[in-house]
PDB file of N, CA and C in Angstrom:
ATOM      1  N   MET A   1      80.498  13.641 -33.515  1.00  0.00           N
ATOM      2  CA  MET A   1      80.501  15.220 -33.161  1.00  0.00           C
ATOM      3  C   MET A   1      81.668  15.692 -32.119  1.00  0.00           C
ATOM      4  N   ASN A   2      81.875  14.741 -31.223  1.00  0.00           N
ATOM      5  CA  ASN A   2      82.903  14.837 -30.338  1.00  0.00           C
ATOM      6  C   ASN A   2      84.124  15.132 -30.888  1.00  0.00           C
ATOM      7  N   ARG A   3      84.524  14.281 -31.785  1.00  0.00           N
ATOM      8  CA  ARG A   3      85.879  14.490 -32.592  1.00  0.00           C
ATOM      9  C   ARG A   3      86.012  15.534 -33.408  1.00  0.00           C
ATOM     10  N   VAL A   4      84.833  16.054 -33.994  1.00  0.00           N
ATOM     11  CA  VAL A   4      84.860  17.481 -34.730  1.00  0.00           C
ATOM     12  C   VAL A   4      84.933  18.617 -33.718  1.00  0.00           C
ATOM     13  N   ARG A   5      84.450  18.467 -32.550  1.00  0.00           N
ATOM     14  CA  ARG A   5      84.275  19.273 -31.535  1.00  0.00           C
ATOM     15  C   ARG A   5      85.836  19.475 -30.905  1.00  0.00           C
ATOM     16  N   SER A   6      86.475  18.345 -30.722  1.00  0.00           N
ATOM     17  CA  SER A   6      87.892  18.460 -30.185  1.00  0.00           C
ATOM     18  C   SER A   6      88.861  18.821 -31.255  1.00  0.00           C
ATOM     19  N   VAL A   7      88.609  18.535 -32.424  1.00  0.00           N
ATOM     20  CA  VAL A   7      89.639  18.834 -33.533  1.00  0.00           C
ATOM     21  C   VAL A   7      89.417  20.249 -33.976  1.00  0.00           C
ATOM     22  N   TYR A   8      88.081  20.783 -34.400  1.00  0.00           N
ATOM     23  CA  TYR A   8      87.963  21.923 -34.977  1.00  0.00           C
ATOM     24  C   TYR A   8      87.564  23.125 -34.074  1.00  0.00           C
ATOM     25  N   GLY A   9      87.208  22.634 -32.792  1.00  0.00           N
ATOM     26  CA  GLY A   9      86.476  23.607 -31.932  1.00  0.00           C
ATOM     27  C   GLY A   9      84.943  23.988 -32.098  1.00  0.00           C
ATOM     28  N   ILE A  10      84.239  23.122 -32.934  1.00  0.00           N
ATOM     29  CA  ILE A  10      82.939  23.416 -33.333  1.00  0.00           C
ATOM     30  C   ILE A  10      81.991  22.895 -32.530  1.00  0.00           C
ATOM     31  N   LYS A  11      81.129  23.660 -31.737  1.00  0.00           N
ATOM     32  CA  LYS A  11      80.191  23.313 -30.894  1.00  0.00           C
ATOM     33  C   LYS A  11      79.192  22.355 -31.634  1.00  0.00           C
ATOM     34  N   ARG A  12      78.447  21.323 -30.807  1.00  0.00           N
ATOM     35  CA  ARG A  12      77.550  20.563 -31.253  1.00  0.00           C
ATOM     36  C   ARG A  12      76.359  21.175 -32.067  1.00  0.00           C
ATOM     37  N   SER A  13      75.958  22.381 -31.286  1.00  0.00           N
ATOM     38  CA  SER A  13      74.817  22.959 -31.777  1.00  0.00           C
ATOM     39  C   SER A  13      75.144  23.617 -33.338  1.00  0.00           C
ATOM     40  N   ARG A  14      76.202  24.030 -33.618  1.00  0.00           N
ATOM     41  CA  ARG A  14      76.631  24.627 -34.783  1.00  0.00           C
ATOM     42  C   ARG A  14      76.701  23.412 -35.716  1.00  0.00           C
ATOM     43  N   GLN A  15      77.080  22.405 -35.400  1.00  0.00           N
ATOM     44  CA  GLN A  15      77.227  21.170 -36.347  1.00  0.00           C
ATOM     45  C   GLN A  15      75.770  20.805 -36.685  1.00  0.00           C
ATOM     46  N   LEU A  16      74.855  20.672 -35.726  1.00  0.00           N
ATOM     47  CA  LEU A  16      73.579  20.183 -35.983  1.00  0.00           C
ATOM     48  C   LEU A  16      73.076  21.316 -36.817  1.00  0.00           C
ATOM     49  N   TRP A  17      73.197  22.546 -36.617  1.00  0.00           N
ATOM     50  CA  TRP A  17      72.508  23.513 -37.501  1.00  0.00           C
ATOM     51  C   TRP A  17      73.118  23.557 -38.988  1.00  0.00           C
ATOM     52  N   ASP A  18      74.603  23.192 -39.221  1.00  0.00           N
ATOM     53  CA  ASP A  18      74.886  22.973 -40.636  1.00  0.00           C
ATOM     54  C   ASP A  18      74.153  21.627 -41.090  1.00  0.00           C
ATOM     55  N   MET A  19      74.274  20.890 -40.328  1.00  0.00           N
ATOM     56  CA  MET A  19      73.554  19.340 -40.955  1.00  0.00           C
ATOM     57  C   MET A  19      72.278  19.631 -41.469  1.00  0.00           C
ATOM     58  N   ALA A  20      71.357  20.479 -40.577  1.00  0.00           N
ATOM     59  CA  ALA A  20      70.110  20.752 -41.074  1.00  0.00           C
ATOM     60  C   ALA A  20      69.952  21.503 -41.970  1.00  0.00           C
ATOM     61  N   ARG A  21      70.729  22.512 -42.149  1.00  0.00           N
ATOM     62  CA  ARG A  21      70.731  23.480 -43.368  1.00  0.00           C
ATOM     63  C   ARG A  21      71.046  22.616 -44.724  1.00  0.00           C
ATOM     64  N   LEU A  22      72.168  21.881 -44.678  1.00  0.00           N
ATOM     65  CA  LEU A  22      72.674  20.907 -45.820  1.00  0.00           C
ATOM     66  C   LEU A  22      71.510  20.143 -46.166  1.00  0.00           C
ATOM     67  N   ALA A  23      70.976  19.279 -45.206  1.00  0.00           N
ATOM     68  CA  ALA A  23      70.043  18.380 -45.614  1.00  0.00           C
ATOM     69  C   ALA A  23      68.847  18.918 -46.272  1.00  0.00           C
ATOM     70  N   LEU A  24      68.494  20.243 -46.039  1.00  0.00           N
ATOM     71  CA  LEU A  24      67.234  20.793 -46.643  1.00  0.00           C
ATOM     72  C   LEU A  24      67.678  21.375 -47.911  1.00  0.00           C
ATOM     73  N   ARG A  25      68.917  21.514 -48.208  1.00  0.00           N
ATOM     74  CA  ARG A  25      69.261  22.298 -49.735  1.00  0.00           C
ATOM     75  C   ARG A  25      69.116  21.327 -50.671  1.00  0.00           C
ATOM     76  N   PRO A  26      69.433  21.512 -51.824  1.00  0.00           N
ATOM     77  CA  PRO A  26      69.443  20.836 -52.957  1.00  0.00           C
ATOM     78  C   PRO A  26      70.186  19.700 -53.225  1.00  0.00           C
ATOM     79  N   GLY A  27      71.369  19.716 -52.307  1.00  0.00           N
ATOM     80  CA  GLY A  27      72.439  18.546 -52.267  1.00  0.00           C
ATOM     81  C   GLY A  27      71.853  17.496 -51.348  1.00  0.00           C
ATOM     82  N   ARG A  28      70.990  17.781 -50.427  1.00  0.00           N
ATOM     83  CA  ARG A  28      70.339  16.863 -49.260  1.00  0.00           C
ATOM     84  C   ARG A  28      71.564  15.953 -48.785  1.00  0.00           C
ATOM     85  N   ILE A  29      72.242  16.605 -48.118  1.00  0.00           N
ATOM     86  CA  ILE A  29      73.394  15.815 -47.430  1.00  0.00           C
ATOM     87  C   ILE A  29      72.841  15.413 -46.119  1.00  0.00           C
ATOM     88  N   HIS A  30      73.175  13.809 -45.905  1.00  0.00           N
ATOM     89  CA  HIS A  30      72.495  13.300 -44.648  1.00  0.00           C
ATOM     90  C   HIS A  30      73.808  13.553 -43.843  1.00  0.00           C
ATOM     91  N   PRO A  31      73.398  13.533 -42.290  1.00  0.00           N
ATOM     92  CA  PRO A  31      74.342  13.688 -41.384  1.00  0.00           C
ATOM     93  C   PRO A  31      75.679  12.941 -41.343  1.00  0.00           C
ATOM     94  N   THR A  32      75.422  11.814 -41.809  1.00  0.00           N
ATOM     95  CA  THR A  32      76.558  10.795 -41.763  1.00  0.00           C
ATOM     96  C   THR A  32      77.444  11.230 -42.951  1.00  0.00           C
ATOM     97  N   GLU A  33      76.808  11.612 -44.099  1.00  0.00           N
ATOM     98  CA  GLU A  33      77.593  12.221 -45.284  1.00  0.00           C
ATOM     99  C   GLU A  33      78.318  13.442 -44.748  1.00  0.00           C
ATOM    100  N   TYR A  34      77.701  14.241 -43.740  1.00  0.00           N
ATOM    101  CA  TYR A  34      78.341  15.382 -43.366  1.00  0.00           C
ATOM    102  C   TYR A  34      79.567  15.292 -42.718  1.00  0.00           C
ATOM    103  N   MET A  35      79.589  14.105 -41.994  1.00  0.00           N
ATOM    104  CA  MET A  35      80.691  13.684 -41.140  1.00  0.00           C
ATOM    105  C   MET A  35      81.706  12.902 -42.225  1.00  0.00           C
ATOM    106  N   THR A  36      81.520  12.098 -42.966  1.00  0.00           N
ATOM    107  CA  THR A  36      82.396  11.238 -43.808  1.00  0.00           C
ATOM    108  C   THR A  36      82.917  12.229 -44.897  1.00  0.00           C
ATOM    109  N   LEU A  37      82.312  13.071 -45.609  1.00  0.00           N
ATOM    110  CA  LEU A  37      82.729  13.923 -46.395  1.00  0.00           C
ATOM    111  C   LEU A  37      83.554  15.135 -45.897  1.00  0.00           C
ATOM    112  N   GLY A  38      83.814  15.200 -44.551  1.00  0.00           N
ATOM    113  CA  GLY A  38      84.576  16.307 -44.037  1.00  0.00           C
ATOM    114  C   GLY A  38      83.892  17.636 -44.084  1.00  0.00           C
ATOM    115  N   LEU A  39      82.644  17.775 -44.244  1.00  0.00           N
ATOM    116  CA  LEU A  39      81.978  19.020 -44.454  1.00  0.00           C
ATOM    117  C   LEU A  39      81.949  19.983 -43.045  1.00  0.00           C
ATOM    118  N   SER A  40      82.475  19.152 -41.853  1.00  0.00           N
ATOM    119  CA  SER A  40      82.669  19.941 -40.620  1.00  0.00           C
ATOM    120  C   SER A  40      83.775  20.788 -40.700  1.00  0.00           C
ATOM    121  N   ASN A  41      84.759  20.771 -41.586  1.00  0.00           N
ATOM    122  CA  ASN A  41      85.831  21.430 -41.685  1.00  0.00           C
ATOM    123  C   ASN A  41      85.813  22.824 -41.830  1.00  0.00           C
ATOM    124  N   PRO A  42      86.114  23.708 -40.850  1.00  0.00           N
ATOM    125  CA  PRO A  42      86.037  25.048 -41.005  1.00  0.00           C
ATOM    126  C   PRO A  42      86.760  25.868 -42.081  1.00  0.00           C
ATOM    127  N   SER A  43      87.486  25.316 -42.582  1.00  0.00           N
ATOM    128  CA  SER A  43      88.183  25.790 -43.787  1.00  0.00           C
ATOM    129  C   SER A  43      87.443  25.974 -45.059  1.00  0.00           C
ATOM    130  N   LEU A  44      86.333  25.014 -45.214  1.00  0.00           N
ATOM    131  CA  LEU A  44      85.344  24.988 -46.254  1.00  0.00           C
ATOM    132  C   LEU A  44      84.423  26.063 -46.301  1.00  0.00           C
ATOM    133  N   ASP A  45      84.289  26.925 -47.222  1.00  0.00           N
ATOM    134  CA  ASP A  45      83.430  28.078 -47.300  1.00  0.00           C
ATOM    135  C   ASP A  45      81.956  27.526 -47.489  1.00  0.00           C
ATOM    136  N   TRP A  46      81.000  28.165 -47.044  1.00  0.00           N
ATOM    137  CA  TRP A  46      79.411  27.774 -47.129  1.00  0.00           C
ATOM    138  C   TRP A  46      79.317  27.304 -48.447  1.00  0.00           C
ATOM    139  N   SER A  47      79.889  28.274 -49.352  1.00  0.00           N
ATOM    140  CA  SER A  47      79.471  27.986 -50.917  1.00  0.00           C
ATOM    141  C   SER A  47      80.034  26.797 -51.434  1.00  0.00           C
ATOM    142  N   GLU A  48      81.203  26.358 -51.064  1.00  0.00           N
ATOM    143  CA  GLU A  48      81.764  24.995 -51.283  1.00  0.00           C
ATOM    144  C   GLU A  48      81.226  23.869 -50.644  1.00  0.00           C
ATOM    145  N   LYS A  49      80.476  24.093 -49.537  1.00  0.00           N
ATOM    146  CA  LYS A  49      79.703  23.085 -48.798  1.00  0.00           C
ATOM    147  C   LYS A  49      78.452  22.624 -49.805  1.00  0.00           C
ATOM    148  N   LEU A  50      77.934  23.654 -50.273  1.00  0.00           N
ATOM    149  CA  LEU A  50      76.603  23.560 -51.211  1.00  0.00           C
ATOM    150  C   LEU A  50      76.967  23.019 -52.542  1.00  0.00           C
ATOM    151  N   THR A  51      78.170  22.874 -52.933  1.00  0.00           N
ATOM    152  CA  THR A  51      78.439  22.302 -54.181  1.00  0.00           C
ATOM    153  C   THR A  51      78.220  20.620 -54.049  1.00  0.00           C
ATOM    154  N   PHE A  52      78.522  20.172 -52.778  1.00  0.00           N
ATOM    155  CA  PHE A  52      78.339  18.633 -52.660  1.00  0.00           C
ATOM    156  C   PHE A  52      76.859  18.107 -52.740  1.00  0.00           C
ATOM    157  N   ARG A  53      77.079  16.979 -53.271  1.00  0.00           N
ATOM    158  CA  ARG A  53      75.531  16.239 -53.470  1.00  0.00           C
ATOM    159  C   ARG A  53      75.686  15.105 -52.565  1.00  0.00           C
ATOM    160  N   GLY A  54      74.742  14.849 -51.935  1.00  0.00           N
ATOM    161  CA  GLY A  54      74.404  13.616 -50.933  1.00  0.00           C
ATOM    162  C   GLY A  54      73.933  12.482 -51.977  1.00  0.00           C
ATOM    163  N   ARG A  55      73.706  11.352 -51.387  1.00  0.00           N
ATOM    164  CA  ARG A  55      73.414  10.132 -51.891  1.00  0.00           C
ATOM    165  C   ARG A  55      71.936  10.230 -52.540  1.00  0.00           C
ATOM    166  N   ARG A  56      70.864  10.854 -51.554  1.00  0.00           N
ATOM    167  CA  ARG A  56      69.652  10.962 -51.945  1.00  0.00           C
ATOM    168  C   ARG A  56      69.491  11.982 -53.149  1.00  0.00           C
ATOM    169  N   ALA A  57      70.340  12.913 -53.284  1.00  0.00           N
ATOM    170  CA  ALA A  57      70.259  13.818 -54.361  1.00  0.00           C
ATOM    171  C   ALA A  57      70.628  13.286 -55.592  1.00  0.00           C
ATOM    172  N   VAL A  58      71.515  12.482 -55.480  1.00  0.00           N
ATOM    173  CA  VAL A  58      72.083  11.639 -56.838  1.00  0.00           C
ATOM    174  C   VAL A  58      71.039  10.613 -57.099  1.00  0.00           C
ATOM    175  N   GLU A  59      70.407   9.759 -56.208  1.00  0.00           N
ATOM    176  CA  GLU A  59      69.571   8.873 -56.666  1.00  0.00           C
ATOM    177  C   GLU A  59      68.182   9.612 -57.163  1.00  0.00           C
ATOM    178  N   ASP A  60      67.829  10.757 -56.527  1.00  0.00           N
ATOM    179  CA  ASP A  60      66.716  11.462 -57.273  1.00  0.00           C
ATOM    180  C   ASP A  60      67.082  11.997 -58.690  1.00  0.00           C
ATOM    181  N   LEU A  61      68.140  12.595 -58.961  1.00  0.00           N
ATOM    182  CA  LEU A  61      68.541  12.652 -60.229  1.00  0.00           C
ATOM    183  C   LEU A  61      68.691  11.708 -61.129  1.00  0.00           C
ATOM    184  N   THR A  62      69.282  10.514 -60.724  1.00  0.00           N
ATOM    185  CA  THR A  62      69.345   9.331 -61.545  1.00  0.00           C
ATOM    186  C   THR A  62      67.810   9.116 -61.765  1.00  0.00           C
ATOM    187  N   SER A  63      67.029   8.894 -60.817  1.00  0.00           N
ATOM    188  CA  SER A  63      65.656   8.257 -61.190  1.00  0.00           C
ATOM    189  C   SER A  63      64.852   9.366 -62.029  1.00  0.00           C
ATOM    190  N   SER A  64      65.071  10.537 -61.982  1.00  0.00           N
ATOM    191  CA  SER A  64      64.470  11.419 -62.945  1.00  0.00           C
ATOM    192  C   SER A  64      64.804  11.280 -64.317  1.00  0.00           C
ATOM    193  N   LEU A  65      66.245  11.127 -64.471  1.00  0.00           N
ATOM    194  CA  LEU A  65      66.656  10.869 -65.919  1.00  0.00           C
ATOM    195  C   LEU A  65      66.271   9.615 -66.328  1.00  0.00           C
ATOM    196  N   PHE A  66      66.016   8.442 -65.645  1.00  0.00           N
ATOM    197  CA  PHE A  66      65.743   7.171 -66.353  1.00  0.00           C
ATOM    198  C   PHE A  66      64.056   6.931 -65.717  1.00  0.00           C
ATOM    199  N   ALA A  67      63.441   7.889 -65.857  1.00  0.00           N
ATOM    200  CA  ALA A  67      62.064   7.511 -65.392  1.00  0.00           C
ATOM    201  C   ALA A  67      61.289   6.561 -66.570  1.00  0.00           C
ATOM    202  N   GLY A  68      60.014   6.034 -65.969  1.00  0.00           N
ATOM    203  CA  GLY A  68      59.233   5.296 -66.925  1.00  0.00           C
ATOM    204  C   GLY A  68      59.939   3.816 -67.277  1.00  0.00           C
ATOM    205  N   ASP A  69      59.896   3.522 -68.462  1.00  0.00           N
ATOM    206  CA  ASP A  69      60.233   2.253 -68.968  1.00  0.00           C
ATOM    207  C   ASP A  69      61.969   2.426 -68.869  1.00  0.00           C
ATOM    208  N   LEU A  70      62.633   3.384 -68.845  1.00  0.00           N
ATOM    209  CA  LEU A  70      64.044   3.481 -68.696  1.00  0.00           C
ATOM    210  C   LEU A  70      64.589   3.232 -67.384  1.00  0.00           C
ATOM    211  N   SER A  71      63.597   3.082 -66.357  1.00  0.00           N
ATOM    212  CA  SER A  71      64.183   2.837 -65.109  1.00  0.00           C
ATOM    213  C   SER A  71      64.451   1.222 -64.971  1.00  0.00           C
ATOM    214  N   SER A  72      64.147   0.363 -65.958  1.00  0.00           N
ATOM    215  CA  SER A  72      64.621  -1.056 -66.041  1.00  0.00           C
ATOM    216  C   SER A  72      65.650  -1.318 -67.035  1.00  0.00           C
ATOM    217  N   ALA A  73      66.421  -2.292 -66.791  1.00  0.00           N
ATOM    218  CA  ALA A  73      67.480  -2.748 -67.724  1.00  0.00           C
ATOM    219  C   ALA A  73      66.790  -3.089 -68.982  1.00  0.00           C
ATOM    220  N   GLY A  74      65.709  -3.330 -69.445  1.00  0.00           N
ATOM    221  CA  GLY A  74      65.232  -3.696 -70.624  1.00  0.00           C
ATOM    222  C   GLY A  74      65.405  -2.386 -71.780  1.00  0.00           C
ATOM    223  N   TRP A  75      65.526  -1.422 -71.252  1.00  0.00           N
ATOM    224  CA  TRP A  75      65.684  -0.204 -72.216  1.00  0.00           C
ATOM    225  C   TRP A  75      66.874  -0.436 -72.992  1.00  0.00           C
ATOM    226  N   LEU A  76      67.970  -1.028 -72.572  1.00  0.00           N
ATOM    227  CA  LEU A  76      69.327  -1.409 -73.216  1.00  0.00           C
ATOM    228  C   LEU A  76      69.103  -2.256 -74.232  1.00  0.00           C
ATOM    229  N   LEU A  77      68.535  -3.281 -73.950  1.00  0.00           N
ATOM    230  CA  LEU A  77      68.121  -4.453 -74.878  1.00  0.00           C
ATOM    231  C   LEU A  77      67.243  -3.968 -76.110  1.00  0.00           C
ATOM    232  N   LYS A  78      66.196  -2.995 -75.623  1.00  0.00           N
ATOM    233  CA  LYS A  78      65.579  -2.457 -76.921  1.00  0.00           C
ATOM    234  C   LYS A  78      66.187  -1.717 -77.700  1.00  0.00           C
ATOM    235  N   ASP A  79      66.923  -0.490 -77.023  1.00  0.00           N
ATOM    236  CA  ASP A  79      67.715   0.092 -77.702  1.00  0.00           C
ATOM    237  C   ASP A  79      68.738  -0.537 -78.847  1.00  0.00           C
ATOM    238  N   LYS A  80      69.344  -1.744 -78.290  1.00  0.00           N
ATOM    239  CA  LYS A  80      70.273  -2.509 -79.242  1.00  0.00           C
ATOM    240  C   LYS A  80      69.550  -3.285 -80.437  1.00  0.00           C
ATOM    241  N   LEU A  81      68.373  -3.750 -80.080  1.00  0.00           N
ATOM    242  CA  LEU A  81      67.655  -4.377 -81.186  1.00  0.00           C
ATOM    243  C   LEU A  81      67.111  -3.416 -82.116  1.00  0.00           C
ATOM    244  N   LEU A  82      66.624  -2.131 -81.888  1.00  0.00           N
ATOM    245  CA  LEU A  82      66.095  -1.305 -82.597  1.00  0.00           C
ATOM    246  C   LEU A  82      67.304  -0.637 -83.622  1.00  0.00           C
ATOM    247  N   THR A  83      68.284  -0.361 -82.846  1.00  0.00           N
ATOM    248  CA  THR A  83      69.507   0.169 -83.537  1.00  0.00           C
ATOM    249  C   THR A  83      70.019  -0.582 -84.642  1.00  0.00           C
ATOM    250  N   ASN A  84      70.247  -1.988 -84.330  1.00  0.00           N
ATOM    251  CA  ASN A  84      70.721  -2.959 -85.314  1.00  0.00           C
ATOM    252  C   ASN A  84      69.712  -3.219 -86.445  1.00  0.00           C
ATOM    253  N   LYS A  85      68.607  -3.256 -86.110  1.00  0.00           N
ATOM    254  CA  LYS A  85      67.448  -3.073 -87.269  1.00  0.00           C
ATOM    255  C   LYS A  85      67.613  -2.089 -88.167  1.00  0.00           C
ATOM    256  N   LEU A  86      67.788  -0.780 -87.619  1.00  0.00           N
ATOM    257  CA  LEU A  86      67.898   0.382 -88.272  1.00  0.00           C
ATOM    258  C   LEU A  86      69.196   0.494 -89.265  1.00  0.00           C
ATOM    259  N   LEU A  87      70.411  -0.143 -88.595  1.00  0.00           N
ATOM    260  CA  LEU A  87      71.543  -0.102 -89.416  1.00  0.00           C
ATOM    261  C   LEU A  87      71.327  -1.156 -90.566  1.00  0.00           C
ATOM    262  N   GLY A  88      70.689  -2.258 -90.217  1.00  0.00           N
ATOM    263  CA  GLY A  88      70.538  -3.423 -91.141  1.00  0.00           C
ATOM    264  C   GLY A  88      69.560  -2.893 -92.608  1.00  0.00           C
ATOM    265  N   ALA A  89      68.573  -2.078 -92.009  1.00  0.00           N
ATOM    266  CA  ALA A  89      67.766  -1.652 -93.056  1.00  0.00           C
ATOM    267  C   ALA A  89      68.473  -0.505 -93.997  1.00  0.00           C
ATOM    268  N   LEU A  90      69.470   0.302 -93.476  1.00  0.00           N
ATOM    269  CA  LEU A  90      70.214   1.130 -94.333  1.00  0.00           C
ATOM    270  C   LEU A  90      71.641   0.525 -94.812  1.00  0.00           C
ATOM    271  N   GLY A  91      71.669  -0.919 -94.816  1.00  0.00           N
ATOM    272  CA  GLY A  91      72.491  -1.596 -95.704  1.00  0.00           C
ATOM    273  C   GLY A  91      73.938  -1.738 -94.720  1.00  0.00           C
ATOM    274  N   ALA A  92      73.895  -1.122 -93.488  1.00  0.00           N
ATOM    275  CA  ALA A  92      75.361  -1.327 -92.820  1.00  0.00           C
ATOM    276  C   ALA A  92      75.341  -2.614 -92.245  1.00  0.00           C
ATOM    277  N   ALA A  93      76.853  -3.077 -92.115  1.00  0.00           N
ATOM    278  CA  ALA A  93      77.098  -4.418 -91.836  1.00  0.00           C
ATOM    279  C   ALA A  93      76.935  -4.304 -90.368  1.00  0.00           C
ATOM    280  N   ASN A  94      76.197  -5.221 -89.783  1.00  0.00           N
ATOM    281  CA  ASN A  94      75.997  -5.460 -88.355  1.00  0.00           C
ATOM    282  C   ASN A  94      75.722  -6.851 -87.951  1.00  0.00           C
ATOM    283  N   PRO A  95      75.895  -7.374 -86.889  1.00  0.00           N
ATOM    284  CA  PRO A  95      75.518  -8.658 -86.422  1.00  0.00           C
ATOM    285  C   PRO A  95      74.099  -8.786 -86.475  1.00  0.00           C
ATOM    286  N   ASP A  96      73.568  -9.967 -86.529  1.00  0.00           N
ATOM    287  CA  ASP A  96      71.991 -10.276 -86.387  1.00  0.00           C
ATOM    288  C   ASP A  96      71.749 -10.761 -84.933  1.00  0.00           C
ATOM    289  N   ASN A  97      71.346  -9.811 -84.161  1.00  0.00           N
ATOM    290  CA  ASN A  97      70.965 -10.108 -82.630  1.00  0.00           C
ATOM    291  C   ASN A  97      69.243 -10.073 -82.530  1.00  0.00           C
ATOM    292  N   SER A  98      69.229 -11.225 -82.849  1.00  0.00           N
ATOM    293  CA  SER A  98      67.590 -11.764 -82.685  1.00  0.00           C
ATOM    294  C   SER A  98      67.318 -12.016 -81.159  1.00  0.00           C
ATOM    295  N   ALA A  99      68.227 -12.189 -80.245  1.00  0.00           N
ATOM    296  CA  ALA A  99      68.023 -12.432 -78.829  1.00  0.00           C
ATOM    297  C   ALA A  99      69.016 -11.487 -78.083  1.00  0.00           C
ATOM    298  N   GLY A 100      68.790 -11.402 -76.895  1.00  0.00           N
ATOM    299  CA  GLY A 100      69.422 -10.583 -75.906  1.00  0.00           C
ATOM    300  C   GLY A 100      69.449 -11.241 -74.802  1.00  0.00           C
ATOM    301  N   GLY A 101      70.177 -10.959 -73.820  1.00  0.00           N
ATOM    302  CA  GLY A 101      69.869 -11.208 -72.324  1.00  0.00           C
ATOM    303  C   GLY A 101      70.572 -10.324 -71.452  1.00  0.00           C
ATOM    304  N   ILE A 102      69.745 -10.282 -70.317  1.00  0.00           N
ATOM    305  CA  ILE A 102      70.223  -9.180 -69.487  1.00  0.00           C
ATOM    306  C   ILE A 102      70.524 -10.114 -68.028  1.00  0.00           C
ATOM    307  N   PRO A 103      71.847  -9.651 -67.675  1.00  0.00           N
ATOM    308  CA  PRO A 103      72.403 -10.403 -66.618  1.00  0.00           C
ATOM    309  C   PRO A 103      71.444 -10.230 -65.292  1.00  0.00           C
ATOM    310  N   VAL A 104      71.445 -11.546 -64.545  1.00  0.00           N
ATOM    311  CA  VAL A 104      70.790 -11.520 -63.417  1.00  0.00           C
ATOM    312  C   VAL A 104      71.580 -11.291 -62.362  1.00  0.00           C
ATOM    313  N   PRO A 105      71.539 -10.447 -61.275  1.00  0.00           N
ATOM    314  CA  PRO A 105      72.444 -10.358 -60.136  1.00  0.00           C
ATOM    315  C   PRO A 105      72.371 -11.472 -59.257  1.00  0.00           C
ATOM    316  N   PRO A 106      73.678 -11.891 -58.628  1.00  0.00           N
ATOM    317  CA  PRO A 106      73.471 -12.955 -57.681  1.00  0.00           C
ATOM    318  C   PRO A 106      72.934 -12.580 -56.614  1.00  0.00           C
ATOM    319  N   LEU A 107      72.273 -13.768 -55.895  1.00  0.00           N
ATOM    320  CA  LEU A 107      71.394 -13.664 -54.632  1.00  0.00           C
ATOM    321  C   LEU A 107      72.504 -13.842 -53.549  1.00  0.00           C
TER     322      LEU A 107
END
């Protein structure tokens, strides 16, 4: 915050006000993201700042898109097996995938 104050001349109270307003908006910008994304730059319009999306907003959107069974990696395997069976029933040439594997992340 001191760097922003020395570079742009923006008071700490103004920075905190902007951080709070952006954190409560749909973009859910975290204070650290406010600094790292350069949202303290006075050349940015308020409407431009509102277009940014924070990590929390992106995670919320992703989890809502992949709710339920789709939140696991198993949905990809199920989709592949069902698609191959459907294509096989229609007479399309496709490999026989009777088994599939999901990579395990390293510890």
